[in-house]
C-alpha atoms as a PDB file:
ATOM      1  CA  UNK A   1      25.630  13.125 -15.726  1.00  0.00           C
ATOM      2  CA  UNK A   2      26.219   9.637 -15.586  1.00  0.00           C
ATOM      3  CA  UNK A   3      25.185   7.858 -12.453  1.00  0.00           C
ATOM      4  CA  UNK A   4      25.193   4.990 -10.419  1.00  0.00           C
ATOM      5  CA  UNK A   5      21.893   6.139  -8.846  1.00  0.00           C
ATOM      6  CA  UNK A   6      19.704   3.110  -9.766  1.00  0.00           C
ATOM      7  CA  UNK A   7      17.606   0.412  -7.769  1.00  0.00           C
ATOM      8  CA  UNK A   8      19.830  -2.721  -6.934  1.00  0.00           C
ATOM      9  CA  UNK A   9      16.804  -4.873  -5.896  1.00  0.00           C
ATOM     10  CA  UNK A  10      17.493  -5.096  -2.188  1.00  0.00           C
ATOM     11  CA  UNK A  11      14.556  -7.024  -1.400  1.00  0.00           C
ATOM     12  CA  UNK A  12      13.233  -4.350   0.907  1.00  0.00           C
ATOM     13  CA  UNK A  13      10.927  -1.295   0.527  1.00  0.00           C
ATOM     14  CA  UNK A  14       9.381   1.599   2.373  1.00  0.00           C
ATOM     15  CA  UNK A  15       7.586  -0.699   4.990  1.00  0.00           C
ATOM     16  CA  UNK A  16      10.705  -2.486   6.003  1.00  0.00           C
ATOM     17  CA  UNK A  17      11.891  -1.896   9.549  1.00  0.00           C
ATOM     18  CA  UNK A  18      15.342  -1.654  11.018  1.00  0.00           C
ATOM     19  CA  UNK A  19      14.706  -5.031  12.684  1.00  0.00           C
ATOM     20  CA  UNK A  20      14.185  -6.326   9.400  1.00  0.00           C
ATOM     21  CA  UNK A  21      16.878  -5.372   7.463  1.00  0.00           C
ATOM     22  CA  UNK A  22      18.863  -6.646  10.337  1.00  0.00           C
ATOM     23  CA  UNK A  23      17.438  -9.988  10.527  1.00  0.00           C
ATOM     24  CA  UNK A  24      19.945 -12.586  11.046  1.00  0.00           C
ATOM     25  CA  UNK A  25      22.878 -10.150  11.297  1.00  0.00           C
ATOM     26  CA  UNK A  26      25.297 -10.518  14.384  1.00  0.00           C
ATOM     27  CA  UNK A  27      26.906  -7.095  15.235  1.00  0.00           C
ATOM     28  CA  UNK A  28      28.761  -8.380  18.177  1.00  0.00           C
ATOM     29  CA  UNK A  29      32.026  -6.570  18.852  1.00  0.00           C
ATOM     30  CA  UNK A  30      31.103  -3.866  16.376  1.00  0.00           C
ATOM     31  CA  UNK A  31      30.961  -0.239  17.591  1.00  0.00           C
ATOM     32  CA  UNK A  32      28.700   2.477  16.337  1.00  0.00           C
ATOM     33  CA  UNK A  33      28.542   6.121  16.938  1.00  0.00           C
ATOM     34  CA  UNK A  34      24.734   7.586  16.269  1.00  0.00           C
ATOM     35  CA  UNK A  35      24.138  11.314  16.859  1.00  0.00           C
ATOM     36  CA  UNK A  36      20.813  11.944  17.797  1.00  0.00           C
ATOM     37  CA  UNK A  37      20.498   8.291  18.953  1.00  0.00           C
ATOM     38  CA  UNK A  38      18.081   9.060  21.781  1.00  0.00           C
ATOM     39  CA  UNK A  39      15.402  10.406  19.896  1.00  0.00           C
ATOM     40  CA  UNK A  40      12.996   9.758  16.917  1.00  0.00           C
ATOM     41  CA  UNK A  41      14.679   7.661  14.280  1.00  0.00           C
ATOM     42  CA  UNK A  42      17.798   8.018  16.102  1.00  0.00           C
ATOM     43  CA  UNK A  43      16.835   6.171  19.139  1.00  0.00           C
ATOM     44  CA  UNK A  44      15.084   3.289  16.964  1.00  0.00           C
ATOM     45  CA  UNK A  45      18.562   2.867  15.098  1.00  0.00           C
ATOM     46  CA  UNK A  46      20.174   2.849  18.699  1.00  0.00           C
ATOM     47  CA  UNK A  47      17.640   0.262  19.898  1.00  0.00           C
ATOM     48  CA  UNK A  48      17.813  -2.142  16.706  1.00  0.00           C
ATOM     49  CA  UNK A  49      21.774  -1.944  16.500  1.00  0.00           C
ATOM     50  CA  UNK A  50      22.105  -2.872  20.064  1.00  0.00           C
ATOM     51  CA  UNK A  51      19.589  -5.939  19.758  1.00  0.00           C
ATOM     52  CA  UNK A  52      22.125  -7.303  17.235  1.00  0.00           C
ATOM     53  CA  UNK A  53      24.950  -7.037  19.637  1.00  0.00           C
ATOM     54  CA  UNK A  54      26.643  -3.741  18.725  1.00  0.00           C
ATOM     55  CA  UNK A  55      27.799  -1.336  21.322  1.00  0.00           C
ATOM     56  CA  UNK A  56      26.280   2.270  20.476  1.00  0.00           C
ATOM     57  CA  UNK A  57      27.843   5.429  21.653  1.00  0.00           C
ATOM     58  CA  UNK A  58      25.414   8.282  21.552  1.00  0.00           C
ATOM     59  CA  UNK A  59      26.554  11.720  21.540  1.00  0.00           C
ATOM     60  CA  UNK A  60      23.642  14.097  23.173  1.00  0.00           C
ATOM     61  CA  UNK A  61      23.083  17.590  23.587  1.00  0.00           C
ATOM     62  CA  UNK A  62      20.432  17.234  25.779  1.00  0.00           C
ATOM     63  CA  UNK A  63      21.987  14.899  28.142  1.00  0.00           C
ATOM     64  CA  UNK A  64      19.009  14.639  30.573  1.00  0.00           C
ATOM     65  CA  UNK A  65      16.614  13.572  28.169  1.00  0.00           C
ATOM     66  CA  UNK A  66      19.266  11.072  26.295  1.00  0.00           C
ATOM     67  CA  UNK A  67      19.785   9.539  29.628  1.00  0.00           C
ATOM     68  CA  UNK A  68      15.927   9.008  30.236  1.00  0.00           C
ATOM     69  CA  UNK A  69      15.352   7.837  26.805  1.00  0.00           C
ATOM     70  CA  UNK A  70      18.489   5.357  26.753  1.00  0.00           C
ATOM     71  CA  UNK A  71      17.638   3.838  30.352  1.00  0.00           C
ATOM     72  CA  UNK A  72      17.199   0.245  30.193  1.00  0.00           C
ATOM     73  CA  UNK A  73      18.971  -0.209  26.714  1.00  0.00           C
ATOM     74  CA  UNK A  74      21.756  -2.471  26.942  1.00  0.00           C
ATOM     75  CA  UNK A  75      24.846  -1.678  25.162  1.00  0.00           C
ATOM     76  CA  UNK A  76      25.008   1.949  25.168  1.00  0.00           C
ATOM     77  CA  UNK A  77      27.016   4.493  26.355  1.00  0.00           C
ATOM     78  CA  UNK A  78      26.311   8.189  26.257  1.00  0.00           C
ATOM     79  CA  UNK A  79      28.762  11.392  25.949  1.00  0.00           C
ATOM     80  CA  UNK A  80      28.079  15.253  25.546  1.00  0.00           C
ATOM     81  CA  UNK A  81      27.852  16.878  22.127  1.00  0.00           C
ATOM     82  CA  UNK A  82      26.657  19.887  20.740  1.00  0.00           C
ATOM     83  CA  UNK A  83      27.069  20.042  16.852  1.00  0.00           C
ATOM     84  CA  UNK A  84      26.486  23.665  16.663  1.00  0.00           C
ATOM     85  CA  UNK A  85      29.697  24.177  18.712  1.00  0.00           C
ATOM     86  CA  UNK A  86      32.973  23.210  17.144  1.00  0.00           C
ATOM     87  CA  UNK A  87      34.557  23.207  20.535  1.00  0.00           C
ATOM     88  CA  UNK A  88      32.186  20.418  21.751  1.00  0.00           C
ATOM     89  CA  UNK A  89      32.527  18.629  18.720  1.00  0.00           C
ATOM     90  CA  UNK A  90      36.518  18.488  19.337  1.00  0.00           C
ATOM     91  CA  UNK A  91      35.986  17.631  23.007  1.00  0.00           C
ATOM     92  CA  UNK A  92      33.805  14.526  21.963  1.00  0.00           C
ATOM     93  CA  UNK A  93      36.239  13.275  19.170  1.00  0.00           C
ATOM     94  CA  UNK A  94      39.054  13.831  21.328  1.00  0.00           C
ATOM     95  CA  UNK A  95      37.590  11.796  24.019  1.00  0.00           C
ATOM     96  CA  UNK A  96      36.493   9.101  21.989  1.00  0.00           C
ATOM     97  CA  UNK A  97      39.861   9.026  20.249  1.00  0.00           C
ATOM     98  CA  UNK A  98      41.648   8.769  23.892  1.00  0.00           C
ATOM     99  CA  UNK A  99      39.627   5.776  24.568  1.00  0.00           C
ATOM    100  CA  UNK A 100      41.583   3.934  21.838  1.00  0.00           C
ATOM    101  CA  UNK A 101      38.613   2.268  20.083  1.00  0.00           C
ATOM    102  CA  UNK A 102      37.842   1.731  16.693  1.00  0.00           C
ATOM    103  CA  UNK A 103      34.531   2.578  15.185  1.00  0.00           C
ATOM    104  CA  UNK A 104      32.592   0.669  12.643  1.00  0.00           C
ATOM    105  CA  UNK A 105      29.739   2.901  11.751  1.00  0.00           C
ATOM    106  CA  UNK A 106      29.050   6.522  12.299  1.00  0.00           C
ATOM    107  CA  UNK A 107      25.590   7.362  11.536  1.00  0.00           C
ATOM    108  CA  UNK A 108      24.796  11.241  11.564  1.00  0.00           C
ATOM    109  CA  UNK A 109      21.179  11.086  12.467  1.00  0.00           C
ATOM    110  CA  UNK A 110      20.793  14.251  14.482  1.00  0.00           C
ATOM    111  CA  UNK A 111      19.561  17.228  13.070  1.00  0.00           C
ATOM    112  CA  UNK A 112      17.124  20.326  13.110  1.00  0.00           C
ATOM    113  CA  UNK A 113      14.447  21.127  10.871  1.00  0.00           C
ATOM    114  CA  UNK A 114      12.923  24.651   9.510  1.00  0.00           C
ATOM    115  CA  UNK A 115      13.719  26.270  12.562  1.00  0.00           C
ATOM    116  CA  UNK A 116      13.364  30.136  12.946  1.00  0.00           C
ATOM    117  CA  UNK A 117      16.462  31.974  11.787  1.00  0.00           C
ATOM    118  CA  UNK A 118      19.053  31.204  14.404  1.00  0.00           C
ATOM    119  CA  UNK A 119      22.693  31.844  14.356  1.00  0.00           C
ATOM    120  CA  UNK A 120      25.353  29.826  16.088  1.00  0.00           C
ATOM    121  CA  UNK A 121      29.533  29.768  16.266  1.00  0.00           C
ATOM    122  CA  UNK A 122      30.573  32.705  14.099  1.00  0.00           C
ATOM    123  CA  UNK A 123      27.409  33.731  13.115  1.00  0.00           C
ATOM    124  CA  UNK A 124      26.645  30.593  10.840  1.00  0.00           C
ATOM    125  CA  UNK A 125      23.050  29.629   9.985  1.00  0.00           C
ATOM    126  CA  UNK A 126      21.869  27.066  12.469  1.00  0.00           C
ATOM    127  CA  UNK A 127      20.484  24.371   9.870  1.00  0.00           C
ATOM    128  CA  UNK A 128      23.465  24.380   7.789  1.00  0.00           C
ATOM    129  CA  UNK A 129      26.031  24.534  10.882  1.00  0.00           C
ATOM    130  CA  UNK A 130      24.127  21.793  12.931  1.00  0.00           C
ATOM    131  CA  UNK A 131      22.897  19.515  10.326  1.00  0.00           C
ATOM    132  CA  UNK A 132      26.171  19.902   8.100  1.00  0.00           C
ATOM    133  CA  UNK A 133      29.084  21.415   9.342  1.00  0.00           C
ATOM    134  CA  UNK A 134      28.989  19.914  12.830  1.00  0.00           C
ATOM    135  CA  UNK A 135      28.815  16.438  11.249  1.00  0.00           C
ATOM    136  CA  UNK A 136      31.680  17.350   8.643  1.00  0.00           C
ATOM    137  CA  UNK A 137      33.868  18.347  11.737  1.00  0.00           C
ATOM    138  CA  UNK A 138      33.080  15.376  13.939  1.00  0.00           C
ATOM    139  CA  UNK A 139      33.758  12.647  11.142  1.00  0.00           C
ATOM    140  CA  UNK A 140      37.010  14.494   9.890  1.00  0.00           C
ATOM    141  CA  UNK A 141      37.967  14.324  13.722  1.00  0.00           C
ATOM    142  CA  UNK A 142      36.902  10.606  14.209  1.00  0.00           C
ATOM    143  CA  UNK A 143      38.795   9.749  10.962  1.00  0.00           C
ATOM    144  CA  UNK A 144      41.759   8.015  12.674  1.00  0.00           C
ATOM    145  CA  UNK A 145      39.270   5.779  14.472  1.00  0.00           C
ATOM    146  CA  UNK A 146      37.137   4.559  11.555  1.00  0.00           C
ATOM    147  CA  UNK A 147      37.649   0.928  10.963  1.00  0.00           C
ATOM    148  CA  UNK A 148      39.952   0.382   7.529  1.00  0.00           C
ATOM    149  CA  UNK A 149      38.440  -2.252   5.149  1.00  0.00           C
ATOM    150  CA  UNK A 150      34.966  -1.903   6.495  1.00  0.00           C
ATOM    151  CA  UNK A 151      33.855   1.121   8.387  1.00  0.00           C
ATOM    152  CA  UNK A 152      30.959   3.218   6.954  1.00  0.00           C
ATOM    153  CA  UNK A 153      29.607   6.574   7.326  1.00  0.00           C
ATOM    154  CA  UNK A 154      25.929   7.186   6.962  1.00  0.00           C
ATOM    155  CA  UNK A 155      24.700  10.828   6.485  1.00  0.00           C
ATOM    156  CA  UNK A 156      21.181  11.411   7.078  1.00  0.00           C
ATOM    157  CA  UNK A 157      19.904  13.698   4.275  1.00  0.00           C
ATOM    158  CA  UNK A 158      16.225  14.107   3.354  1.00  0.00           C
ATOM    159  CA  UNK A 159      13.845  14.570   0.340  1.00  0.00           C
ATOM    160  CA  UNK A 160      14.010  18.085   1.772  1.00  0.00           C
ATOM    161  CA  UNK A 161      17.052  18.293  -0.404  1.00  0.00           C
ATOM    162  CA  UNK A 162      14.779  18.867  -3.539  1.00  0.00           C
ATOM    163  CA  UNK A 163      13.932  22.280  -2.146  1.00  0.00           C
ATOM    164  CA  UNK A 164      17.346  23.824  -2.385  1.00  0.00           C
ATOM    165  CA  UNK A 165      20.673  23.284  -3.654  1.00  0.00           C
ATOM    166  CA  UNK A 166      23.894  24.769  -2.291  1.00  0.00           C
ATOM    167  CA  UNK A 167      23.261  28.550  -2.404  1.00  0.00           C
ATOM    168  CA  UNK A 168      27.026  29.209  -3.116  1.00  0.00           C
ATOM    169  CA  UNK A 169      26.427  33.236  -3.145  1.00  0.00           C
ATOM    170  CA  UNK A 170      24.950  33.298   0.209  1.00  0.00           C
ATOM    171  CA  UNK A 171      25.281  29.723   2.128  1.00  0.00           C
ATOM    172  CA  UNK A 172      24.696  31.264   5.645  1.00  0.00           C
ATOM    173  CA  UNK A 173      21.395  33.099   4.286  1.00  0.00           C
ATOM    174  CA  UNK A 174      23.007  36.498   5.312  1.00  0.00           C
ATOM    175  CA  UNK A 175      20.347  38.018   2.801  1.00  0.00           C
ATOM    176  CA  UNK A 176      16.925  37.018   3.885  1.00  0.00           C
ATOM    177  CA  UNK A 177      15.903  33.753   5.356  1.00  0.00           C
ATOM    178  CA  UNK A 178      13.769  31.026   4.512  1.00  0.00           C
ATOM    179  CA  UNK A 179      13.476  28.251   7.046  1.00  0.00           C
ATOM    180  CA  UNK A 180      12.355  25.553   4.546  1.00  0.00           C
ATOM    181  CA  UNK A 181      14.889  26.478   1.898  1.00  0.00           C
ATOM    182  CA  UNK A 182      17.456  26.587   4.605  1.00  0.00           C
ATOM    183  CA  UNK A 183      16.588  22.926   5.677  1.00  0.00           C
ATOM    184  CA  UNK A 184      16.653  21.998   1.974  1.00  0.00           C
ATOM    185  CA  UNK A 185      20.335  23.237   1.466  1.00  0.00           C
ATOM    186  CA  UNK A 186      21.488  21.578   4.607  1.00  0.00           C
ATOM    187  CA  UNK A 187      19.959  18.280   3.343  1.00  0.00           C
ATOM    188  CA  UNK A 188      21.628  18.881   0.189  1.00  0.00           C
ATOM    189  CA  UNK A 189      24.795  19.419   2.015  1.00  0.00           C
ATOM    190  CA  UNK A 190      24.370  15.900   3.930  1.00  0.00           C
ATOM    191  CA  UNK A 191      24.121  14.455   0.449  1.00  0.00           C
ATOM    192  CA  UNK A 192      27.155  15.884  -1.054  1.00  0.00           C
ATOM    193  CA  UNK A 193      29.161  15.336   2.077  1.00  0.00           C
ATOM    194  CA  UNK A 194      28.731  11.396   1.723  1.00  0.00           C
ATOM    195  CA  UNK A 195      29.564  11.871  -2.254  1.00  0.00           C
ATOM    196  CA  UNK A 196      33.071  13.709  -1.627  1.00  0.00           C
ATOM    197  CA  UNK A 197      33.922  11.815   1.790  1.00  0.00           C
ATOM    198  CA  UNK A 198      33.277   8.519  -0.248  1.00  0.00           C
ATOM    199  CA  UNK A 199      35.711   9.388  -2.991  1.00  0.00           C
ATOM    200  CA  UNK A 200      38.429  10.403  -0.326  1.00  0.00           C
ATOM    201  CA  UNK A 201      38.077   7.452   1.811  1.00  0.00           C
ATOM    202  CA  UNK A 202      37.248   4.319  -0.398  1.00  0.00           C
ATOM    203  CA  UNK A 203      40.811   3.262  -0.994  1.00  0.00           C
ATOM    204  CA  UNK A 204      40.876   2.684   2.724  1.00  0.00           C
ATOM    205  CA  UNK A 205      38.070   0.504   2.786  1.00  0.00           C
ATOM    206  CA  UNK A 206      35.753   3.260   4.480  1.00  0.00           C
ATOM    207  CA  UNK A 207      32.485   3.906   2.504  1.00  0.00           C
ATOM    208  CA  UNK A 208      30.008   6.775   2.801  1.00  0.00           C
ATOM    209  CA  UNK A 209      26.238   6.754   1.855  1.00  0.00           C
ATOM    210  CA  UNK A 210      23.625   9.477   2.430  1.00  0.00           C
ATOM    211  CA  UNK A 211      19.992   8.728   3.227  1.00  0.00           C
ATOM    212  CA  UNK A 212      16.435   9.661   3.023  1.00  0.00           C
ATOM    213  CA  UNK A 213      14.536   8.194   5.983  1.00  0.00           C
ATOM    214  CA  UNK A 214      11.228   9.080   4.601  1.00  0.00           C
ATOM    215  CA  UNK A 215       8.547  11.089   6.332  1.00  0.00           C
ATOM    216  CA  UNK A 216       8.160  10.479   9.885  1.00  0.00           C
ATOM    217  CA  UNK A 217       6.208  12.002  12.786  1.00  0.00           C
ATOM    218  CA  UNK A 218       9.002  12.706  15.714  1.00  0.00           C
ATOM    219  CA  UNK A 219      10.327  15.641  17.745  1.00  0.00           C
ATOM    220  CA  UNK A 220      12.343  16.737  14.532  1.00  0.00           C
ATOM    221  CA  UNK A 221       9.123  18.261  13.537  1.00  0.00           C
ATOM    222  CA  UNK A 222       8.902  20.572  16.651  1.00  0.00           C
ATOM    223  CA  UNK A 223       9.209  23.776  14.393  1.00  0.00           C
ATOM    224  CA  UNK A 224       6.443  23.077  12.270  1.00  0.00           C
ATOM    225  CA  UNK A 225       3.208  24.535  13.274  1.00  0.00           C
ATOM    226  CA  UNK A 226      -0.032  22.668  13.041  1.00  0.00           C
ATOM    227  CA  UNK A 227      -1.117  24.892  10.444  1.00  0.00           C
ATOM    228  CA  UNK A 228       1.801  24.056   8.275  1.00  0.00           C
ATOM    229  CA  UNK A 229       0.912  20.504   8.607  1.00  0.00           C
ATOM    230  CA  UNK A 230      -2.515  21.293   7.450  1.00  0.00           C
ATOM    231  CA  UNK A 231      -1.062  23.194   4.420  1.00  0.00           C
ATOM    232  CA  UNK A 232       1.081  20.403   3.386  1.00  0.00           C
ATOM    233  CA  UNK A 233      -1.982  18.045   3.699  1.00  0.00           C
ATOM    234  CA  UNK A 234      -0.178  16.142   6.209  1.00  0.00           C
ATOM    235  CA  UNK A 235      -3.559  16.847   8.716  1.00  0.00           C
ATOM    236  CA  UNK A 236      -7.279  17.178   8.302  1.00  0.00           C
ATOM    237  CA  UNK A 237      -8.979  20.240  10.435  1.00  0.00           C
ATOM    238  CA  UNK A 238      -9.554  18.107  13.199  1.00  0.00           C
ATOM    239  CA  UNK A 239      -5.700  17.522  13.534  1.00  0.00           C
ATOM    240  CA  UNK A 240      -5.752  13.879  12.227  1.00  0.00           C
ATOM    241  CA  UNK A 241      -3.488  12.153   9.810  1.00  0.00           C
ATOM    242  CA  UNK A 242      -4.992  12.857   6.299  1.00  0.00           C
ATOM    243  CA  UNK A 243      -3.080   9.867   4.578  1.00  0.00           C
ATOM    244  CA  UNK A 244      -1.629   7.703   7.424  1.00  0.00           C
ATOM    245  CA  UNK A 245       0.027   5.473   4.547  1.00  0.00           C
ATOM    246  CA  UNK A 246       2.270   8.198   3.639  1.00  0.00           C
ATOM    247  CA  UNK A 247       4.214   8.177   6.699  1.00  0.00           C
ATOM    248  CA  UNK A 248       6.753   5.793   7.989  1.00  0.00           C
ATOM    249  CA  UNK A 249       6.360   4.714  11.565  1.00  0.00           C
ATOM    250  CA  UNK A 250       9.967   5.462  13.581  1.00  0.00           C
ATOM    251  CA  UNK A 251      11.343   1.965  13.073  1.00  0.00           C
ATOM    252  CA  UNK A 252      10.570   1.946   9.406  1.00  0.00           C
ATOM    253  CA  UNK A 253      12.013   5.579   9.297  1.00  0.00           C
ATOM    254  CA  UNK A 254      15.498   4.028  11.162  1.00  0.00           C
ATOM    255  CA  UNK A 255      15.364   1.210   8.399  1.00  0.00           C
ATOM    256  CA  UNK A 256      17.415   3.018   5.495  1.00  0.00           C
ATOM    257  CA  UNK A 257      20.353   4.334   7.673  1.00  0.00           C
ATOM    258  CA  UNK A 258      20.465   1.020   9.575  1.00  0.00           C
ATOM    259  CA  UNK A 259      20.769  -0.877   6.150  1.00  0.00           C
ATOM    260  CA  UNK A 260      23.103   1.704   4.627  1.00  0.00           C
ATOM    261  CA  UNK A 261      25.480   1.063   7.733  1.00  0.00           C
ATOM    262  CA  UNK A 262      25.501  -2.765   7.996  1.00  0.00           C
ATOM    263  CA  UNK A 263      24.217  -4.551   4.606  1.00  0.00           C
ATOM    264  CA  UNK A 264      26.494  -6.597   2.681  1.00  0.00           C
ATOM    265  CA  UNK A 265      24.565  -5.742  -0.244  1.00  0.00           C
ATOM    266  CA  UNK A 266      26.505  -2.302  -0.390  1.00  0.00           C
ATOM    267  CA  UNK A 267      30.097  -3.819   0.074  1.00  0.00           C
ATOM    268  CA  UNK A 268      31.273  -2.373  -3.330  1.00  0.00           C
ATOM    269  CA  UNK A 269      29.231   0.515  -3.501  1.00  0.00           C
ATOM    270  CA  UNK A 270      29.757   4.144  -2.030  1.00  0.00           C
ATOM    271  CA  UNK A 271      28.836   7.621  -2.345  1.00  0.00           C
ATOM    272  CA  UNK A 272      25.170   7.017  -3.175  1.00  0.00           C
ATOM    273  CA  UNK A 273      21.849   8.466  -2.000  1.00  0.00           C
ATOM    274  CA  UNK A 274      19.518   5.761  -0.799  1.00  0.00           C
ATOM    275  CA  UNK A 275      15.754   5.554   0.302  1.00  0.00           C
ATOM    276  CA  UNK A 276      13.102   2.947   1.212  1.00  0.00           C
ATOM    277  CA  UNK A 277      16.354   0.468   1.775  1.00  0.00           C
ATOM    278  CA  UNK A 278      17.380   0.691  -1.827  1.00  0.00           C
ATOM    279  CA  UNK A 279      19.681   3.020  -4.023  1.00  0.00           C
ATOM    280  CA  UNK A 280      17.456   5.877  -5.135  1.00  0.00           C
ATOM    281  CA  UNK A 281      16.607   6.585  -8.885  1.00  0.00           C
ATOM    282  CA  UNK A 282      17.245  10.077 -10.107  1.00  0.00           C
ATOM    283  CA  UNK A 283      14.654  12.728  -9.454  1.00  0.00           C
ATOM    284  CA  UNK A 284      11.629  12.266 -11.985  1.00  0.00           C
ATOM    285  CA  UNK A 285      10.863  15.461 -14.106  1.00  0.00           C
ATOM    286  CA  UNK A 286       7.488  15.692 -12.746  1.00  0.00           C
ATOM    287  CA  UNK A 287       8.637  17.738  -9.706  1.00  0.00           C
ATOM    288  CA  UNK A 288       7.552  15.062  -7.185  1.00  0.00           C
ATOM    289  CA  UNK A 289      10.004  14.552  -4.310  1.00  0.00           C
ATOM    290  CA  UNK A 290      11.165  11.552  -5.288  1.00  0.00           C
ATOM    291  CA  UNK A 291      14.751  10.143  -5.724  1.00  0.00           C
ATOM    292  CA  UNK A 292      17.691  12.245  -5.709  1.00  0.00           C
ATOM    293  CA  UNK A 293      18.191  15.658  -7.570  1.00  0.00           C
ATOM    294  CA  UNK A 294      21.437  16.021  -9.584  1.00  0.00           C
ATOM    295  CA  UNK A 295      22.619  19.016  -7.443  1.00  0.00           C
ATOM    296  CA  UNK A 296      23.035  16.473  -4.446  1.00  0.00           C
ATOM    297  CA  UNK A 297      25.255  14.240  -6.108  1.00  0.00           C
ATOM    298  CA  UNK A 298      27.165  16.223  -8.522  1.00  0.00           C
ATOM    299  CA  UNK A 299      31.222  15.340  -7.441  1.00  0.00           C
ATOM    300  CA  UNK A 300      32.264  18.772  -8.528  1.00  0.00           C
ATOM    301  CA  UNK A 301      29.781  20.496  -6.220  1.00  0.00           C
ATOM    302  CA  UNK A 302      30.665  17.872  -3.591  1.00  0.00           C
ATOM    303  CA  UNK A 303      34.349  18.850  -3.848  1.00  0.00           C
ATOM    304  CA  UNK A 304      33.783  22.483  -3.657  1.00  0.00           C
ATOM    305  CA  UNK A 305      31.459  22.017  -0.519  1.00  0.00           C
ATOM    306  CA  UNK A 306      34.161  20.051   1.105  1.00  0.00           C
ATOM    307  CA  UNK A 307      36.857  22.837   0.485  1.00  0.00           C
ATOM    308  CA  UNK A 308      34.325  25.414   2.021  1.00  0.00           C
ATOM    309  CA  UNK A 309      33.473  23.307   4.968  1.00  0.00           C
ATOM    310  CA  UNK A 310      37.316  22.642   5.749  1.00  0.00           C
ATOM    311  CA  UNK A 311      38.027  26.111   5.550  1.00  0.00           C
ATOM    312  CA  UNK A 312      34.927  27.086   7.730  1.00  0.00           C
ATOM    313  CA  UNK A 313      35.729  24.309  10.500  1.00  0.00           C
ATOM    314  CA  UNK A 314      39.409  24.111  10.426  1.00  0.00           C
ATOM    315  CA  UNK A 315      39.180  20.457  10.092  1.00  0.00           C
ATOM    316  CA  UNK A 316      40.259  18.200   6.862  1.00  0.00           C
ATOM    317  CA  UNK A 317      41.247  14.835   7.861  1.00  0.00           C
ATOM    318  CA  UNK A 318      42.728  14.264   4.210  1.00  0.00           C
ATOM    319  CA  UNK A 319      44.656  17.648   3.613  1.00  0.00           C
ATOM    320  CA  UNK A 320      47.680  17.065   2.048  1.00  0.00           C
END
């Protein structure tokens, strides 16, 4: 498969922060919607965008926690949204569309990771439903408000996509459950979503990207036990980080998604998987979780997932 997945020499790297990539950028008059924008790298994304003049709408499931986290940040508004509930997704989108505003950046930063088997909606596996289907429905419903000729959608994937492609014969994990492979499938879905969305939206001037933010210690890890962190080599027996350089800080973790949303270096590109504030290379053959796997950027699988997602959610802004 030929691919445009090659570094462009952005000048940034894994140590760059969200403020670094926004240095000298003026986002006054621009509006961003950042799901999960009140916790972890989502909160750092909100802070960085508002510091450059953007207005940020933060949809939140835990509204009390969101109000507390966002208190004192100018240029932010909050609304209620549960990505695992399609009625909630519709409600948020309808309220936003009723405001008559245009959205310049949608950053799908919210997610859950390696949770115990959980079912939402009509019995959907929670990681696939929340991380992918909820965002799929949200972006499709917001499509009338996306700024033509410059809007961007950023789908926050993960290096976790290396753990699993789409399990076409059992997407909802009805036959057994593995929390890490389920997470991997959901992150592959996030990447494939950007691939097909970009193919559908680029003629309108709206581009889409998927990003791997890096490994960051945030509340996303709430379901990962200390024992597992030691097994992964993240922590030593005393509970200290074994290799601090392996982890990014939250401002560094927010950098790639902020760069994806705003950088003029990406003006003529789309449908790509990004990491460390650059376009990612194809995954190496040595098995290391670097770069992007073919199954996460395959246009045929992306189109197939789009059709499945539209069927499941009943939403497709691009239906004939």
